[in-house]
């Protein structure tokens, strides 16, 4: 994919129509979509992932495919939502052993 980001973006766009609603699958779609250069779609997918149960917010900050997305102002609120949901889940588990 290094040489043909536009081609990769076209392929990923067609795959998104059949993407599983599973939050981890959506997150992985977001990372590859970002890597292909379609940052708006990647942000939309990241938001969907965060809002449907992808709570491993730490990976938002380290996945190299999200480097360009992290520079966008829309990124931080999405990441913060994933963190908020993660913390709520951890608190629930701690309160309900």
C-alpha atoms as a PDB file:
ATOM      1  CA  UNK A   1       0.000   0.000   0.000  1.00  0.00           C
ATOM      2  CA  UNK A   2       2.937   2.357   0.244  1.00  0.00           C
ATOM      3  CA  UNK A   3       2.751   3.319  -3.412  1.00  0.00           C
ATOM      4  CA  UNK A   4      -0.954   3.515  -4.193  1.00  0.00           C
ATOM      5  CA  UNK A   5      -2.870   5.197  -1.401  1.00  0.00           C
ATOM      6  CA  UNK A   6      -5.682   6.226  -3.739  1.00  0.00           C
ATOM      7  CA  UNK A   7      -6.110   2.650  -4.933  1.00  0.00           C
ATOM      8  CA  UNK A   8      -6.019   1.337  -1.388  1.00  0.00           C
ATOM      9  CA  UNK A   9      -8.577   3.944  -0.357  1.00  0.00           C
ATOM     10  CA  UNK A  10     -10.943   2.810  -3.138  1.00  0.00           C
ATOM     11  CA  UNK A  11     -10.651  -0.813  -2.007  1.00  0.00           C
ATOM     12  CA  UNK A  12     -11.182   0.093   1.637  1.00  0.00           C
ATOM     13  CA  UNK A  13     -14.195   2.244   0.763  1.00  0.00           C
ATOM     14  CA  UNK A  14     -15.865  -0.735  -0.918  1.00  0.00           C
ATOM     15  CA  UNK A  15     -15.028  -2.982   2.045  1.00  0.00           C
ATOM     16  CA  UNK A  16     -16.557  -0.540   4.541  1.00  0.00           C
ATOM     17  CA  UNK A  17     -19.984  -1.299   3.092  1.00  0.00           C
ATOM     18  CA  UNK A  18     -19.618  -4.857   4.381  1.00  0.00           C
ATOM     19  CA  UNK A  19     -17.682  -4.136   7.585  1.00  0.00           C
ATOM     20  CA  UNK A  20     -18.804  -6.061  10.629  1.00  0.00           C
ATOM     21  CA  UNK A  21     -20.430  -4.017  13.386  1.00  0.00           C
ATOM     22  CA  UNK A  22     -17.846  -5.490  15.801  1.00  0.00           C
ATOM     23  CA  UNK A  23     -15.973  -2.597  17.411  1.00  0.00           C
ATOM     24  CA  UNK A  24     -12.545  -4.172  16.952  1.00  0.00           C
ATOM     25  CA  UNK A  25     -13.168  -4.796  13.256  1.00  0.00           C
ATOM     26  CA  UNK A  26     -14.348  -1.197  12.872  1.00  0.00           C
ATOM     27  CA  UNK A  27     -11.235   0.054  14.682  1.00  0.00           C
ATOM     28  CA  UNK A  28      -8.962  -1.957  12.374  1.00  0.00           C
ATOM     29  CA  UNK A  29     -10.838  -0.617   9.364  1.00  0.00           C
ATOM     30  CA  UNK A  30     -10.213   2.885  10.725  1.00  0.00           C
ATOM     31  CA  UNK A  31      -6.480   2.296  11.030  1.00  0.00           C
ATOM     32  CA  UNK A  32      -6.109   1.023   7.460  1.00  0.00           C
ATOM     33  CA  UNK A  33      -8.378   3.764   6.140  1.00  0.00           C
ATOM     34  CA  UNK A  34      -6.196   6.365   7.872  1.00  0.00           C
ATOM     35  CA  UNK A  35      -3.059   4.753   6.494  1.00  0.00           C
ATOM     36  CA  UNK A  36      -4.574   4.950   3.012  1.00  0.00           C
ATOM     37  CA  UNK A  37      -5.052   8.692   3.540  1.00  0.00           C
ATOM     38  CA  UNK A  38      -8.841   8.951   3.869  1.00  0.00           C
ATOM     39  CA  UNK A  39      -8.676  10.774   7.192  1.00  0.00           C
ATOM     40  CA  UNK A  40     -12.303  11.917   7.334  1.00  0.00           C
ATOM     41  CA  UNK A  41     -13.554   8.351   6.881  1.00  0.00           C
ATOM     42  CA  UNK A  42     -10.968   7.104   9.385  1.00  0.00           C
ATOM     43  CA  UNK A  43     -12.201   9.568  11.993  1.00  0.00           C
ATOM     44  CA  UNK A  44     -15.781   8.480  11.367  1.00  0.00           C
ATOM     45  CA  UNK A  45     -14.772   4.836  11.815  1.00  0.00           C
ATOM     46  CA  UNK A  46     -12.794   5.627  14.974  1.00  0.00           C
ATOM     47  CA  UNK A  47     -15.836   7.347  16.402  1.00  0.00           C
ATOM     48  CA  UNK A  48     -18.007   4.344  15.537  1.00  0.00           C
ATOM     49  CA  UNK A  49     -15.467   2.007  17.145  1.00  0.00           C
ATOM     50  CA  UNK A  50     -15.323   4.067  20.339  1.00  0.00           C
ATOM     51  CA  UNK A  51     -19.101   4.331  20.537  1.00  0.00           C
ATOM     52  CA  UNK A  52     -19.736   0.629  19.940  1.00  0.00           C
ATOM     53  CA  UNK A  53     -17.353  -0.824  22.483  1.00  0.00           C
ATOM     54  CA  UNK A  54     -13.711  -0.449  21.439  1.00  0.00           C
ATOM     55  CA  UNK A  55     -12.351   0.702  24.783  1.00  0.00           C
ATOM     56  CA  UNK A  56      -8.644   0.001  24.338  1.00  0.00           C
ATOM     57  CA  UNK A  57      -8.043   3.715  24.052  1.00  0.00           C
ATOM     58  CA  UNK A  58      -4.284   3.364  24.609  1.00  0.00           C
ATOM     59  CA  UNK A  59      -3.853   1.881  21.150  1.00  0.00           C
ATOM     60  CA  UNK A  60      -5.318   5.059  19.642  1.00  0.00           C
ATOM     61  CA  UNK A  61      -2.115   6.822  20.684  1.00  0.00           C
ATOM     62  CA  UNK A  62       0.411   4.245  19.502  1.00  0.00           C
ATOM     63  CA  UNK A  63      -0.896   2.708  16.287  1.00  0.00           C
ATOM     64  CA  UNK A  64       1.427   4.051  13.610  1.00  0.00           C
ATOM     65  CA  UNK A  65      -1.313   3.978  10.978  1.00  0.00           C
ATOM     66  CA  UNK A  66      -3.165   6.688  12.925  1.00  0.00           C
ATOM     67  CA  UNK A  67      -0.266   9.155  12.932  1.00  0.00           C
ATOM     68  CA  UNK A  68      -1.921  11.600  10.505  1.00  0.00           C
ATOM     69  CA  UNK A  69      -5.310  11.275  12.215  1.00  0.00           C
ATOM     70  CA  UNK A  70      -3.841  12.188  15.603  1.00  0.00           C
ATOM     71  CA  UNK A  71      -2.909  15.596  14.173  1.00  0.00           C
ATOM     72  CA  UNK A  72      -6.558  16.394  13.406  1.00  0.00           C
ATOM     73  CA  UNK A  73      -8.601  18.357  15.984  1.00  0.00           C
ATOM     74  CA  UNK A  74     -11.461  15.837  15.706  1.00  0.00           C
ATOM     75  CA  UNK A  75      -9.224  13.045  16.998  1.00  0.00           C
ATOM     76  CA  UNK A  76      -8.917  13.993  20.682  1.00  0.00           C
ATOM     77  CA  UNK A  77     -12.646  13.957  21.530  1.00  0.00           C
ATOM     78  CA  UNK A  78     -12.977  10.503  19.938  1.00  0.00           C
ATOM     79  CA  UNK A  79     -10.016   9.166  21.874  1.00  0.00           C
ATOM     80  CA  UNK A  80     -11.327  10.766  25.063  1.00  0.00           C
ATOM     81  CA  UNK A  81     -14.700   9.071  24.572  1.00  0.00           C
ATOM     82  CA  UNK A  82     -12.975   5.685  24.253  1.00  0.00           C
ATOM     83  CA  UNK A  83     -11.063   6.454  27.444  1.00  0.00           C
ATOM     84  CA  UNK A  84     -14.225   7.508  29.275  1.00  0.00           C
ATOM     85  CA  UNK A  85     -15.950   4.276  28.265  1.00  0.00           C
ATOM     86  CA  UNK A  86     -12.903   2.241  29.286  1.00  0.00           C
ATOM     87  CA  UNK A  87     -12.825   3.857  32.710  1.00  0.00           C
ATOM     88  CA  UNK A  88     -16.570   3.317  33.165  1.00  0.00           C
ATOM     89  CA  UNK A  89     -16.178  -0.345  32.254  1.00  0.00           C
ATOM     90  CA  UNK A  90     -13.286  -0.782  34.676  1.00  0.00           C
ATOM     91  CA  UNK A  91     -15.263   0.904  37.441  1.00  0.00           C
ATOM     92  CA  UNK A  92     -18.231  -1.375  36.767  1.00  0.00           C
ATOM     93  CA  UNK A  93     -16.038  -4.485  36.899  1.00  0.00           C
ATOM     94  CA  UNK A  94     -14.367  -3.310  40.110  1.00  0.00           C
ATOM     95  CA  UNK A  95     -17.755  -2.660  41.724  1.00  0.00           C
ATOM     96  CA  UNK A  96     -19.152  -6.016  40.626  1.00  0.00           C
ATOM     97  CA  UNK A  97     -16.523  -8.682  41.325  1.00  0.00           C
END
